[in-house]
Amino acid sequence: MTTTTSDLSGLEEFLSCETSSSNSLNGVGLMVAYVGVFLLGVLGNGVVIFVVCGMHSRRTSTDVYLMHLAVADLLFSLTLPFWAASIYSHWMFGTFLCKVVSGVQDAAFYSCVFLLANISVDRYLAIVKATQVVTKKQHLVRVVCGLVWLAAAFLALPSIIQREAFVPINHELPVCHENLTAETVDDWRLGMRVMRHLLGFFLPLLVMLFCYSCTVYTLFYARNGQKHKAMRVILSVVLAFVICWLPINITDIVDTLMRHHFMEESCEVQGQVDFALEVTRVLAFLHCALNPLLYAFIGKKFRNQLLHSLFHKGMIGKDTLSLFRKGSVQNSVSSRLTSVTL
């Protein structure tokens, strides 16, 4: 498999040897996994957008970042049914949707990763540098988010330009893939993978590790039990990013080394790598469904706003709202801290 732009599509690279069925995930299994992540992602991120849009003037810089992150994850999730259908059968949606779906998914992927890095910088400025004046200016945050989307759209251009629906040689059904010649495919794959590794994982991870390490260090010496709880939240955020995205990056690097003959290649080994790519790809996709849990639902401020929004929409009664409000008053200190930390 290729993990450049097609990395996120679940398509097979057309190899000279067939992958053993014992090493390949069943098409139905992959389809179910993709649809499951799609449902979780749409539900969780849809709720985040619903709640943040109802905050109006009470939004913080973190809330703005969370809303843009939820939009990115929602867009990413919406592309998964197309790939699920193509894995189970074939690409049946034509070249236009091939370009649109591929471009949207790549743009959503990069914007999500860049926003996660920006959230860590925002918390670093607010807690370590105590630069509340900067982080509370929402128009600056909106400018940053706009630049993130522009950069993500630019990085998605290769998918939009090169992808098309076509029937490969020795195949009967169309696929959505880069239609490249044998002379250019290796250089293209290497270039796209290097870009994705650097800009889509390692550089954002370094930013997150630096900012959150400094944040945890500051919170550790604050001698506050609630702040120690916030440290565990930060650790969960970083671990989730690493656990979801590190395996696909490592597997992809191994696949690249094999294809460029830096490692021994055989049909058996290639089959094992392809199987690992299928599994780790699903794990990476799952991150878009985990983000709402890590960045939004874990904070009491967000949960309280969700309850108020449901109450105003007539979806819960006053008794239910009052019951949860008592709990939120008892934990108001923790709520304020969580909103600052995340």
C-alpha atoms as a PDB file:
ATOM      1  CA  MET A   1       0.000   0.000   0.000  1.00  0.00           C
ATOM      2  CA  THR A   2       0.998   3.578  -0.421  1.00  0.00           C
ATOM      3  CA  THR A   3       0.759   6.042   2.394  1.00  0.00           C
ATOM      4  CA  THR A   4       1.169   9.257   0.481  1.00  0.00           C
ATOM      5  CA  THR A   5      -2.109  10.763  -0.664  1.00  0.00           C
ATOM      6  CA  SER A   6      -3.469   7.265  -1.123  1.00  0.00           C
ATOM      7  CA  ASP A   7      -2.265   6.517   2.359  1.00  0.00           C
ATOM      8  CA  LEU A   8      -5.632   7.684   3.651  1.00  0.00           C
ATOM      9  CA  SER A   9      -7.734   6.017   1.007  1.00  0.00           C
ATOM     10  CA  GLY A  10      -7.145   2.384   1.864  1.00  0.00           C
ATOM     11  CA  LEU A  11      -6.198   1.498  -1.711  1.00  0.00           C
ATOM     12  CA  GLU A  12      -3.715  -1.208  -2.616  1.00  0.00           C
ATOM     13  CA  GLU A  13      -0.565  -0.429  -4.550  1.00  0.00           C
ATOM     14  CA  PHE A  14      -0.469  -2.594  -7.676  1.00  0.00           C
ATOM     15  CA  LEU A  15       2.312  -5.016  -6.872  1.00  0.00           C
ATOM     16  CA  SER A  16       3.858  -7.760  -8.926  1.00  0.00           C
ATOM     17  CA  CYS A  17       2.875 -10.325  -6.305  1.00  0.00           C
ATOM     18  CA  GLU A  18      -0.530 -10.797  -4.760  1.00  0.00           C
ATOM     19  CA  THR A  19      -0.959 -10.326  -1.037  1.00  0.00           C
ATOM     20  CA  SER A  20      -1.804 -13.538   0.726  1.00  0.00           C
ATOM     21  CA  SER A  21      -5.400 -13.626   1.898  1.00  0.00           C
ATOM     22  CA  SER A  22      -4.219 -14.724   5.328  1.00  0.00           C
ATOM     23  CA  ASN A  23      -2.232 -11.505   5.665  1.00  0.00           C
ATOM     24  CA  SER A  24      -4.962  -9.200   4.346  1.00  0.00           C
ATOM     25  CA  LEU A  25      -7.889  -7.903   6.322  1.00  0.00           C
ATOM     26  CA  ASN A  26     -11.240  -9.037   4.996  1.00  0.00           C
ATOM     27  CA  GLY A  27     -12.936  -6.377   2.860  1.00  0.00           C
ATOM     28  CA  VAL A  28     -16.069  -6.569   4.992  1.00  0.00           C
ATOM     29  CA  GLY A  29     -13.992  -6.120   8.145  1.00  0.00           C
ATOM     30  CA  LEU A  30     -12.305  -3.009   6.783  1.00  0.00           C
ATOM     31  CA  MET A  31     -15.627  -1.631   5.600  1.00  0.00           C
ATOM     32  CA  VAL A  32     -17.191  -2.146   9.037  1.00  0.00           C
ATOM     33  CA  ALA A  33     -14.200  -0.492  10.722  1.00  0.00           C
ATOM     34  CA  TYR A  34     -14.374   2.519   8.405  1.00  0.00           C
ATOM     35  CA  VAL A  35     -18.126   2.908   8.884  1.00  0.00           C
ATOM     36  CA  GLY A  36     -17.728   2.566  12.661  1.00  0.00           C
ATOM     37  CA  VAL A  37     -15.132   5.340  12.784  1.00  0.00           C
ATOM     38  CA  PHE A  38     -17.353   7.413  10.487  1.00  0.00           C
ATOM     39  CA  LEU A  39     -20.337   7.128  12.847  1.00  0.00           C
ATOM     40  CA  LEU A  40     -18.290   7.910  15.961  1.00  0.00           C
ATOM     41  CA  GLY A  41     -16.534  10.816  14.267  1.00  0.00           C
ATOM     42  CA  VAL A  42     -19.711  12.399  12.916  1.00  0.00           C
ATOM     43  CA  LEU A  43     -21.529  12.042  16.243  1.00  0.00           C
ATOM     44  CA  GLY A  44     -18.734  13.298  18.495  1.00  0.00           C
ATOM     45  CA  ASN A  45     -17.528  16.146  16.315  1.00  0.00           C
ATOM     46  CA  GLY A  46     -21.079  17.146  15.421  1.00  0.00           C
ATOM     47  CA  VAL A  47     -21.832  17.571  19.123  1.00  0.00           C
ATOM     48  CA  VAL A  48     -18.688  19.674  19.617  1.00  0.00           C
ATOM     49  CA  ILE A  49     -19.656  22.008  16.757  1.00  0.00           C
ATOM     50  CA  PHE A  50     -23.223  22.233  18.091  1.00  0.00           C
ATOM     51  CA  VAL A  51     -22.035  23.194  21.578  1.00  0.00           C
ATOM     52  CA  VAL A  52     -19.311  25.659  20.595  1.00  0.00           C
ATOM     53  CA  CYS A  53     -21.614  27.433  18.139  1.00  0.00           C
ATOM     54  CA  GLY A  54     -24.023  27.967  21.048  1.00  0.00           C
ATOM     55  CA  MET A  55     -21.406  29.675  23.217  1.00  0.00           C
ATOM     56  CA  HIS A  56     -21.460  32.953  21.239  1.00  0.00           C
ATOM     57  CA  SER A  57     -19.634  35.665  23.236  1.00  0.00           C
ATOM     58  CA  ARG A  58     -18.321  33.254  25.879  1.00  0.00           C
ATOM     59  CA  ARG A  59     -15.921  31.479  23.559  1.00  0.00           C
ATOM     60  CA  THR A  60     -12.268  31.337  24.544  1.00  0.00           C
ATOM     61  CA  SER A  61      -9.348  30.872  22.187  1.00  0.00           C
ATOM     62  CA  THR A  62      -9.384  27.177  23.037  1.00  0.00           C
ATOM     63  CA  ASP A  63     -13.063  26.951  22.108  1.00  0.00           C
ATOM     64  CA  VAL A  64     -12.321  28.458  18.688  1.00  0.00           C
ATOM     65  CA  TYR A  65      -9.528  25.945  18.115  1.00  0.00           C
ATOM     66  CA  LEU A  66     -11.793  23.102  19.257  1.00  0.00           C
ATOM     67  CA  MET A  67     -14.507  24.105  16.817  1.00  0.00           C
ATOM     68  CA  HIS A  68     -12.076  24.213  13.883  1.00  0.00           C
ATOM     69  CA  LEU A  69     -10.598  20.889  15.022  1.00  0.00           C
ATOM     70  CA  ALA A  70     -14.076  19.377  15.147  1.00  0.00           C
ATOM     71  CA  VAL A  71     -14.834  20.681  11.639  1.00  0.00           C
ATOM     72  CA  ALA A  72     -11.606  19.116  10.340  1.00  0.00           C
ATOM     73  CA  ASP A  73     -12.340  15.784  12.022  1.00  0.00           C
ATOM     74  CA  LEU A  74     -15.930  15.875  10.785  1.00  0.00           C
ATOM     75  CA  LEU A  75     -14.803  16.453   7.190  1.00  0.00           C
ATOM     76  CA  PHE A  76     -12.283  13.631   7.548  1.00  0.00           C
ATOM     77  CA  SER A  77     -14.993  11.319   8.879  1.00  0.00           C
ATOM     78  CA  LEU A  78     -17.363  12.167   6.028  1.00  0.00           C
ATOM     79  CA  THR A  79     -14.887  10.808   3.473  1.00  0.00           C
ATOM     80  CA  LEU A  80     -14.675   7.358   5.067  1.00  0.00           C
ATOM     81  CA  PRO A  81     -17.890   5.879   3.581  1.00  0.00           C
ATOM     82  CA  PHE A  82     -16.521   6.512   0.075  1.00  0.00           C
ATOM     83  CA  TRP A  83     -13.350   4.554   0.839  1.00  0.00           C
ATOM     84  CA  ALA A  84     -15.358   1.848   2.612  1.00  0.00           C
ATOM     85  CA  ALA A  85     -17.437   1.348  -0.527  1.00  0.00           C
ATOM     86  CA  SER A  86     -14.356   1.299  -2.771  1.00  0.00           C
ATOM     87  CA  ILE A  87     -12.594  -1.259  -0.571  1.00  0.00           C
ATOM     88  CA  TYR A  88     -15.582  -3.577  -0.545  1.00  0.00           C
ATOM     89  CA  SER A  89     -16.285  -3.231  -4.261  1.00  0.00           C
ATOM     90  CA  HIS A  90     -14.571  -0.613  -6.448  1.00  0.00           C
ATOM     91  CA  TRP A  91     -14.493   3.153  -6.975  1.00  0.00           C
ATOM     92  CA  MET A  92     -17.919   3.905  -8.442  1.00  0.00           C
ATOM     93  CA  PHE A  93     -18.089   7.671  -7.967  1.00  0.00           C
ATOM     94  CA  GLY A  94     -16.140   9.008 -10.946  1.00  0.00           C
ATOM     95  CA  THR A  95     -13.110  11.273 -11.281  1.00  0.00           C
ATOM     96  CA  PHE A  96     -14.712  14.446  -9.903  1.00  0.00           C
ATOM     97  CA  LEU A  97     -15.625  12.889  -6.567  1.00  0.00           C
ATOM     98  CA  CYS A  98     -12.291  11.066  -6.551  1.00  0.00           C
ATOM     99  CA  LYS A  99     -10.509  14.423  -6.583  1.00  0.00           C
ATOM    100  CA  VAL A 100     -12.933  16.060  -4.143  1.00  0.00           C
ATOM    101  CA  VAL A 101     -12.932  13.250  -1.576  1.00  0.00           C
ATOM    102  CA  SER A 102      -9.143  12.824  -1.744  1.00  0.00           C
ATOM    103  CA  GLY A 103      -8.541  16.568  -1.474  1.00  0.00           C
ATOM    104  CA  VAL A 104     -10.975  17.025   1.406  1.00  0.00           C
ATOM    105  CA  GLN A 105      -9.466  14.133   3.319  1.00  0.00           C
ATOM    106  CA  ASP A 106      -5.893  15.341   2.889  1.00  0.00           C
ATOM    107  CA  ALA A 107      -6.840  18.929   3.786  1.00  0.00           C
ATOM    108  CA  ALA A 108      -8.740  17.708   6.853  1.00  0.00           C
ATOM    109  CA  PHE A 109      -5.800  15.536   7.890  1.00  0.00           C
ATOM    110  CA  TYR A 110      -3.236  18.342   7.727  1.00  0.00           C
ATOM    111  CA  SER A 111      -5.531  20.929   9.311  1.00  0.00           C
ATOM    112  CA  CYS A 112      -6.275  18.541  12.188  1.00  0.00           C
ATOM    113  CA  VAL A 113      -2.590  17.941  12.916  1.00  0.00           C
ATOM    114  CA  PHE A 114      -1.706  21.635  12.598  1.00  0.00           C
ATOM    115  CA  LEU A 115      -4.585  22.611  14.903  1.00  0.00           C
ATOM    116  CA  LEU A 116      -3.447  20.103  17.530  1.00  0.00           C
ATOM    117  CA  ALA A 117      -0.007  21.719  17.443  1.00  0.00           C
ATOM    118  CA  ASN A 118      -1.547  25.191  17.692  1.00  0.00           C
ATOM    119  CA  ILE A 119      -3.640  24.164  20.695  1.00  0.00           C
ATOM    120  CA  SER A 120      -0.447  23.092  22.477  1.00  0.00           C
ATOM    121  CA  VAL A 121       1.177  26.447  21.637  1.00  0.00           C
ATOM    122  CA  ASP A 122      -1.927  28.298  22.840  1.00  0.00           C
ATOM    123  CA  ARG A 123      -1.849  26.476  26.191  1.00  0.00           C
ATOM    124  CA  TYR A 124       1.911  27.052  26.464  1.00  0.00           C
ATOM    125  CA  LEU A 125       1.421  30.798  26.049  1.00  0.00           C
ATOM    126  CA  ALA A 126      -1.497  30.898  28.482  1.00  0.00           C
ATOM    127  CA  ILE A 127       0.050  28.813  31.276  1.00  0.00           C
ATOM    128  CA  VAL A 128       3.839  28.965  30.953  1.00  0.00           C
ATOM    129  CA  LYS A 129       4.204  32.484  29.608  1.00  0.00           C
ATOM    130  CA  ALA A 130       0.922  33.732  31.105  1.00  0.00           C
ATOM    131  CA  THR A 131       0.243  35.576  27.852  1.00  0.00           C
ATOM    132  CA  GLN A 132      -3.514  35.773  28.308  1.00  0.00           C
ATOM    133  CA  VAL A 133      -3.750  39.025  26.339  1.00  0.00           C
ATOM    134  CA  VAL A 134      -2.625  37.277  23.161  1.00  0.00           C
ATOM    135  CA  THR A 135      -4.554  34.040  23.609  1.00  0.00           C
ATOM    136  CA  LYS A 136      -7.834  35.853  24.421  1.00  0.00           C
ATOM    137  CA  LYS A 137      -7.813  37.905  21.225  1.00  0.00           C
ATOM    138  CA  GLN A 138     -10.091  35.695  19.211  1.00  0.00           C
ATOM    139  CA  HIS A 139      -9.540  37.559  15.958  1.00  0.00           C
ATOM    140  CA  LEU A 140      -5.865  36.534  16.119  1.00  0.00           C
ATOM    141  CA  VAL A 141      -6.897  32.947  16.771  1.00  0.00           C
ATOM    142  CA  ARG A 142      -9.247  33.077  13.791  1.00  0.00           C
ATOM    143  CA  VAL A 143      -6.408  34.381  11.621  1.00  0.00           C
ATOM    144  CA  VAL A 144      -4.220  31.474  12.766  1.00  0.00           C
ATOM    145  CA  CYS A 145      -7.012  28.999  11.995  1.00  0.00           C
ATOM    146  CA  GLY A 146      -7.477  30.576   8.579  1.00  0.00           C
ATOM    147  CA  LEU A 147      -3.771  30.195   7.838  1.00  0.00           C
ATOM    148  CA  VAL A 148      -3.949  26.570   8.980  1.00  0.00           C
ATOM    149  CA  TRP A 149      -6.760  25.842   6.523  1.00  0.00           C
ATOM    150  CA  LEU A 150      -4.919  27.618   3.704  1.00  0.00           C
ATOM    151  CA  ALA A 151      -1.754  25.600   4.366  1.00  0.00           C
ATOM    152  CA  ALA A 152      -3.762  22.375   4.558  1.00  0.00           C
ATOM    153  CA  ALA A 153      -5.543  23.156   1.283  1.00  0.00           C
ATOM    154  CA  PHE A 154      -2.200  23.833  -0.399  1.00  0.00           C
ATOM    155  CA  LEU A 155      -0.793  20.508   0.819  1.00  0.00           C
ATOM    156  CA  ALA A 156      -3.905  18.752  -0.511  1.00  0.00           C
ATOM    157  CA  LEU A 157      -3.337  20.057  -4.050  1.00  0.00           C
ATOM    158  CA  PRO A 158      -1.232  17.039  -5.147  1.00  0.00           C
ATOM    159  CA  SER A 159      -4.210  14.766  -4.458  1.00  0.00           C
ATOM    160  CA  ILE A 160      -6.604  17.038  -6.300  1.00  0.00           C
ATOM    161  CA  ILE A 161      -4.309  17.365  -9.308  1.00  0.00           C
ATOM    162  CA  GLN A 162      -3.041  13.797  -9.690  1.00  0.00           C
ATOM    163  CA  ARG A 163      -5.961  11.682  -8.536  1.00  0.00           C
ATOM    164  CA  GLU A 164      -8.507  10.310 -10.964  1.00  0.00           C
ATOM    165  CA  ALA A 165     -10.772   7.343 -11.482  1.00  0.00           C
ATOM    166  CA  PHE A 166      -9.260   4.876 -13.938  1.00  0.00           C
ATOM    167  CA  VAL A 167      -8.946   1.162 -14.653  1.00  0.00           C
ATOM    168  CA  PRO A 168      -5.341  -0.022 -14.049  1.00  0.00           C
ATOM    169  CA  ILE A 169      -3.599  -2.493 -16.316  1.00  0.00           C
ATOM    170  CA  ASN A 170      -4.635  -6.101 -15.594  1.00  0.00           C
ATOM    171  CA  HIS A 171      -7.648  -4.893 -13.602  1.00  0.00           C
ATOM    172  CA  GLU A 172     -11.303  -4.821 -14.580  1.00  0.00           C
ATOM    173  CA  LEU A 173     -12.731  -2.251 -12.171  1.00  0.00           C
ATOM    174  CA  PRO A 174     -11.897   1.450 -11.660  1.00  0.00           C
ATOM    175  CA  VAL A 175      -9.965   2.801  -8.697  1.00  0.00           C
ATOM    176  CA  CYS A 176      -9.368   6.287  -7.302  1.00  0.00           C
ATOM    177  CA  HIS A 177      -5.615   6.670  -7.409  1.00  0.00           C
ATOM    178  CA  GLU A 178      -2.714   8.718  -8.766  1.00  0.00           C
ATOM    179  CA  ASN A 179      -2.452   7.864 -12.459  1.00  0.00           C
ATOM    180  CA  LEU A 180       1.340   7.997 -12.796  1.00  0.00           C
ATOM    181  CA  THR A 181       3.846   6.381 -15.134  1.00  0.00           C
ATOM    182  CA  ALA A 182       6.314   3.738 -13.958  1.00  0.00           C
ATOM    183  CA  GLU A 183       9.138   6.271 -14.335  1.00  0.00           C
ATOM    184  CA  THR A 184       7.571   8.840 -12.000  1.00  0.00           C
ATOM    185  CA  VAL A 185       5.703   6.770  -9.417  1.00  0.00           C
ATOM    186  CA  ASP A 186       8.722   6.067  -7.172  1.00  0.00           C
ATOM    187  CA  ASP A 187       9.808   9.701  -6.967  1.00  0.00           C
ATOM    188  CA  TRP A 188       6.226  10.789  -6.371  1.00  0.00           C
ATOM    189  CA  ARG A 189       5.692   8.250  -3.605  1.00  0.00           C
ATOM    190  CA  LEU A 190       8.934   9.168  -1.850  1.00  0.00           C
ATOM    191  CA  GLY A 191       8.268  12.901  -2.033  1.00  0.00           C
ATOM    192  CA  MET A 192       4.719  12.625  -0.725  1.00  0.00           C
ATOM    193  CA  ARG A 193       5.712  10.283   2.072  1.00  0.00           C
ATOM    194  CA  VAL A 194       8.556  12.507   3.249  1.00  0.00           C
ATOM    195  CA  MET A 195       6.187  15.482   3.261  1.00  0.00           C
ATOM    196  CA  ARG A 196       3.539  13.572   5.170  1.00  0.00           C
ATOM    197  CA  HIS A 197       6.021  12.218   7.720  1.00  0.00           C
ATOM    198  CA  LEU A 198       7.592  15.611   8.408  1.00  0.00           C
ATOM    199  CA  LEU A 199       4.621  17.976   8.185  1.00  0.00           C
ATOM    200  CA  GLY A 200       1.913  15.524   9.171  1.00  0.00           C
ATOM    201  CA  PHE A 201       3.525  13.886  12.185  1.00  0.00           C
ATOM    202  CA  PHE A 202       7.094  14.488  13.341  1.00  0.00           C
ATOM    203  CA  LEU A 203       7.215  18.313  13.319  1.00  0.00           C
ATOM    204  CA  PRO A 204       3.765  18.725  14.953  1.00  0.00           C
ATOM    205  CA  LEU A 205       4.740  16.057  17.487  1.00  0.00           C
ATOM    206  CA  LEU A 206       7.918  17.971  18.378  1.00  0.00           C
ATOM    207  CA  VAL A 207       5.874  21.141  18.874  1.00  0.00           C
ATOM    208  CA  MET A 208       3.390  19.311  21.086  1.00  0.00           C
ATOM    209  CA  LEU A 209       6.114  17.612  23.135  1.00  0.00           C
ATOM    210  CA  PHE A 210       7.955  20.890  23.748  1.00  0.00           C
ATOM    211  CA  CYS A 211       4.867  22.937  24.621  1.00  0.00           C
ATOM    212  CA  TYR A 212       3.179  20.322  26.774  1.00  0.00           C
ATOM    213  CA  SER A 213       6.454  19.415  28.536  1.00  0.00           C
ATOM    214  CA  CYS A 214       6.881  23.042  29.555  1.00  0.00           C
ATOM    215  CA  THR A 215       3.213  23.221  30.543  1.00  0.00           C
ATOM    216  CA  VAL A 216       3.429  20.086  32.683  1.00  0.00           C
ATOM    217  CA  TYR A 217       6.626  21.387  34.311  1.00  0.00           C
ATOM    218  CA  THR A 218       4.861  24.619  35.242  1.00  0.00           C
ATOM    219  CA  LEU A 219       1.793  22.808  36.572  1.00  0.00           C
ATOM    220  CA  PHE A 220       3.912  20.343  38.534  1.00  0.00           C
ATOM    221  CA  TYR A 221       5.460  23.098  40.633  1.00  0.00           C
ATOM    222  CA  ALA A 222       2.110  24.797  41.181  1.00  0.00           C
ATOM    223  CA  ARG A 223       1.455  22.376  44.085  1.00  0.00           C
ATOM    224  CA  ASN A 224      -2.214  22.043  43.283  1.00  0.00           C
ATOM    225  CA  GLY A 225      -4.026  18.715  43.186  1.00  0.00           C
ATOM    226  CA  GLN A 226      -6.396  19.837  40.453  1.00  0.00           C
ATOM    227  CA  LYS A 227      -3.457  20.911  38.340  1.00  0.00           C
ATOM    228  CA  HIS A 228      -1.943  17.468  38.703  1.00  0.00           C
ATOM    229  CA  LYS A 229      -5.203  16.137  37.284  1.00  0.00           C
ATOM    230  CA  ALA A 230      -4.764  18.528  34.366  1.00  0.00           C
ATOM    231  CA  MET A 231      -1.289  17.062  33.827  1.00  0.00           C
ATOM    232  CA  ARG A 232      -2.841  13.634  33.375  1.00  0.00           C
ATOM    233  CA  VAL A 233      -5.230  15.083  30.814  1.00  0.00           C
ATOM    234  CA  ILE A 234      -2.303  16.541  28.852  1.00  0.00           C
ATOM    235  CA  LEU A 235      -0.492  13.204  29.005  1.00  0.00           C
ATOM    236  CA  SER A 236      -3.593  11.482  27.633  1.00  0.00           C
ATOM    237  CA  VAL A 237      -3.756  13.937  24.732  1.00  0.00           C
ATOM    238  CA  VAL A 238      -0.134  13.340  23.716  1.00  0.00           C
ATOM    239  CA  LEU A 239      -0.338   9.574  24.186  1.00  0.00           C
ATOM    240  CA  ALA A 240      -3.473   9.348  22.043  1.00  0.00           C
ATOM    241  CA  PHE A 241      -1.760  11.231  19.213  1.00  0.00           C
ATOM    242  CA  VAL A 242       1.347   9.037  19.412  1.00  0.00           C
ATOM    243  CA  ILE A 243      -0.530   5.746  19.780  1.00  0.00           C
ATOM    244  CA  CYS A 244      -2.826   6.490  16.842  1.00  0.00           C
ATOM    245  CA  TRP A 245      -0.302   7.958  14.385  1.00  0.00           C
ATOM    246  CA  LEU A 246       3.122   6.517  15.244  1.00  0.00           C
ATOM    247  CA  PRO A 247       2.341   2.938  14.080  1.00  0.00           C
ATOM    248  CA  ILE A 248       1.207   4.002  10.582  1.00  0.00           C
ATOM    249  CA  ASN A 249       4.277   6.230  10.206  1.00  0.00           C
ATOM    250  CA  ILE A 250       6.687   3.476  11.267  1.00  0.00           C
ATOM    251  CA  THR A 251       5.001   0.905   9.022  1.00  0.00           C
ATOM    252  CA  ASP A 252       5.020   3.356   6.142  1.00  0.00           C
ATOM    253  CA  ILE A 253       8.749   4.022   6.601  1.00  0.00           C
ATOM    254  CA  VAL A 254       9.422   0.268   6.508  1.00  0.00           C
ATOM    255  CA  ASP A 255       7.353  -0.025   3.332  1.00  0.00           C
ATOM    256  CA  THR A 256       9.263   2.869   1.737  1.00  0.00           C
ATOM    257  CA  LEU A 257      12.636   1.322   2.608  1.00  0.00           C
ATOM    258  CA  MET A 258      11.535  -1.967   1.058  1.00  0.00           C
ATOM    259  CA  ARG A 259      10.277  -0.360  -2.135  1.00  0.00           C
ATOM    260  CA  HIS A 260      13.556   1.516  -2.567  1.00  0.00           C
ATOM    261  CA  HIS A 261      15.527  -1.689  -1.866  1.00  0.00           C
ATOM    262  CA  PHE A 262      17.092  -0.572   1.411  1.00  0.00           C
ATOM    263  CA  MET A 263      15.507  -3.639   3.024  1.00  0.00           C
ATOM    264  CA  GLU A 264      14.971  -7.158   1.765  1.00  0.00           C
ATOM    265  CA  GLU A 265      11.685  -7.472  -0.107  1.00  0.00           C
ATOM    266  CA  SER A 266       9.630 -10.572  -0.819  1.00  0.00           C
ATOM    267  CA  CYS A 267       5.988 -11.332  -1.431  1.00  0.00           C
ATOM    268  CA  GLU A 268       5.641 -12.738   2.086  1.00  0.00           C
ATOM    269  CA  VAL A 269       7.214  -9.715   3.768  1.00  0.00           C
ATOM    270  CA  GLN A 270       5.287  -7.307   1.538  1.00  0.00           C
ATOM    271  CA  GLY A 271       2.085  -9.091   2.493  1.00  0.00           C
ATOM    272  CA  GLN A 272       2.881  -8.658   6.184  1.00  0.00           C
ATOM    273  CA  VAL A 273       3.623  -4.965   5.670  1.00  0.00           C
ATOM    274  CA  ASP A 274       0.382  -4.504   3.728  1.00  0.00           C
ATOM    275  CA  PHE A 275      -1.532  -6.160   6.557  1.00  0.00           C
ATOM    276  CA  ALA A 276       0.172  -3.875   9.094  1.00  0.00           C
ATOM    277  CA  LEU A 277      -0.719  -0.847   6.964  1.00  0.00           C
ATOM    278  CA  GLU A 278      -4.373  -1.864   6.931  1.00  0.00           C
ATOM    279  CA  VAL A 279      -4.488  -2.259  10.716  1.00  0.00           C
ATOM    280  CA  THR A 280      -2.504   0.875  11.551  1.00  0.00           C
ATOM    281  CA  ARG A 281      -4.536   2.921   9.067  1.00  0.00           C
ATOM    282  CA  VAL A 282      -7.746   2.110  10.937  1.00  0.00           C
ATOM    283  CA  LEU A 283      -6.002   3.039  14.200  1.00  0.00           C
ATOM    284  CA  ALA A 284      -4.934   6.379  12.708  1.00  0.00           C
ATOM    285  CA  PHE A 285      -8.452   7.065  11.452  1.00  0.00           C
ATOM    286  CA  LEU A 286      -9.790   6.417  14.948  1.00  0.00           C
ATOM    287  CA  HIS A 287      -8.001   9.531  16.206  1.00  0.00           C
ATOM    288  CA  CYS A 288     -10.602  11.775  14.569  1.00  0.00           C
ATOM    289  CA  ALA A 289     -13.238  10.135  16.783  1.00  0.00           C
ATOM    290  CA  LEU A 290     -11.074  10.371  19.926  1.00  0.00           C
ATOM    291  CA  ASN A 291     -10.382  14.110  19.644  1.00  0.00           C
ATOM    292  CA  PRO A 292     -13.846  15.164  20.907  1.00  0.00           C
ATOM    293  CA  LEU A 293     -13.420  12.948  23.975  1.00  0.00           C
ATOM    294  CA  LEU A 294      -9.936  14.257  24.734  1.00  0.00           C
ATOM    295  CA  TYR A 295     -10.367  17.949  24.004  1.00  0.00           C
ATOM    296  CA  ALA A 296     -14.022  18.647  24.726  1.00  0.00           C
ATOM    297  CA  PHE A 297     -16.055  16.117  26.679  1.00  0.00           C
ATOM    298  CA  ILE A 298     -13.362  15.771  29.330  1.00  0.00           C
ATOM    299  CA  GLY A 299     -13.881  19.406  30.422  1.00  0.00           C
ATOM    300  CA  LYS A 300     -16.752  20.289  32.765  1.00  0.00           C
ATOM    301  CA  LYS A 301     -17.213  23.634  31.057  1.00  0.00           C
ATOM    302  CA  PHE A 302     -18.000  21.861  27.807  1.00  0.00           C
ATOM    303  CA  ARG A 303     -20.318  19.353  29.473  1.00  0.00           C
ATOM    304  CA  ASN A 304     -22.225  22.129  31.230  1.00  0.00           C
ATOM    305  CA  GLN A 305     -22.610  24.036  27.969  1.00  0.00           C
ATOM    306  CA  LEU A 306     -23.840  20.851  26.287  1.00  0.00           C
ATOM    307  CA  LEU A 307     -26.513  20.417  28.963  1.00  0.00           C
ATOM    308  CA  HIS A 308     -27.621  24.035  28.612  1.00  0.00           C
ATOM    309  CA  SER A 309     -27.813  23.673  24.838  1.00  0.00           C
ATOM    310  CA  LEU A 310     -29.880  20.494  25.159  1.00  0.00           C
ATOM    311  CA  PHE A 311     -32.149  22.246  27.692  1.00  0.00           C
ATOM    312  CA  HIS A 312     -32.747  25.236  25.418  1.00  0.00           C
ATOM    313  CA  LYS A 313     -33.545  22.847  22.557  1.00  0.00           C
ATOM    314  CA  GLY A 314     -36.091  21.078  24.778  1.00  0.00           C
ATOM    315  CA  MET A 315     -34.186  17.797  24.736  1.00  0.00           C
ATOM    316  CA  ILE A 316     -33.774  17.567  28.535  1.00  0.00           C
ATOM    317  CA  GLY A 317     -35.873  18.884  31.427  1.00  0.00           C
ATOM    318  CA  LYS A 318     -35.108  21.443  34.126  1.00  0.00           C
ATOM    319  CA  ASP A 319     -34.734  18.725  36.782  1.00  0.00           C
ATOM    320  CA  THR A 320     -31.985  17.024  34.792  1.00  0.00           C
ATOM    321  CA  LEU A 321     -30.242  20.354  34.229  1.00  0.00           C
ATOM    322  CA  SER A 322     -30.441  21.244  37.940  1.00  0.00           C
ATOM    323  CA  LEU A 323     -29.061  17.861  38.945  1.00  0.00           C
ATOM    324  CA  PHE A 324     -25.962  18.292  36.813  1.00  0.00           C
ATOM    325  CA  ARG A 325     -25.649  21.961  37.772  1.00  0.00           C
ATOM    326  CA  LYS A 326     -25.195  20.997  41.438  1.00  0.00           C
ATOM    327  CA  GLY A 327     -22.299  18.786  40.492  1.00  0.00           C
ATOM    328  CA  SER A 328     -20.742  21.517  38.387  1.00  0.00           C
ATOM    329  CA  VAL A 329     -20.890  24.025  41.264  1.00  0.00           C
ATOM    330  CA  GLN A 330     -19.118  21.598  43.553  1.00  0.00           C
ATOM    331  CA  ASN A 331     -16.386  21.197  40.944  1.00  0.00           C
ATOM    332  CA  SER A 332     -16.150  24.798  39.728  1.00  0.00           C
ATOM    333  CA  VAL A 333     -12.441  25.073  40.511  1.00  0.00           C
ATOM    334  CA  SER A 334     -11.690  21.975  38.476  1.00  0.00           C
ATOM    335  CA  SER A 335     -13.854  23.272  35.644  1.00  0.00           C
ATOM    336  CA  ARG A 336     -12.019  26.566  35.441  1.00  0.00           C
ATOM    337  CA  LEU A 337      -8.662  24.834  35.449  1.00  0.00           C
ATOM    338  CA  THR A 338      -9.641  22.365  32.745  1.00  0.00           C
ATOM    339  CA  SER A 339     -10.843  25.167  30.489  1.00  0.00           C
ATOM    340  CA  VAL A 340      -7.494  26.910  30.904  1.00  0.00           C
ATOM    341  CA  THR A 341      -5.417  23.787  30.394  1.00  0.00           C
ATOM    342  CA  LEU A 342      -7.284  22.468  27.368  1.00  0.00           C
END
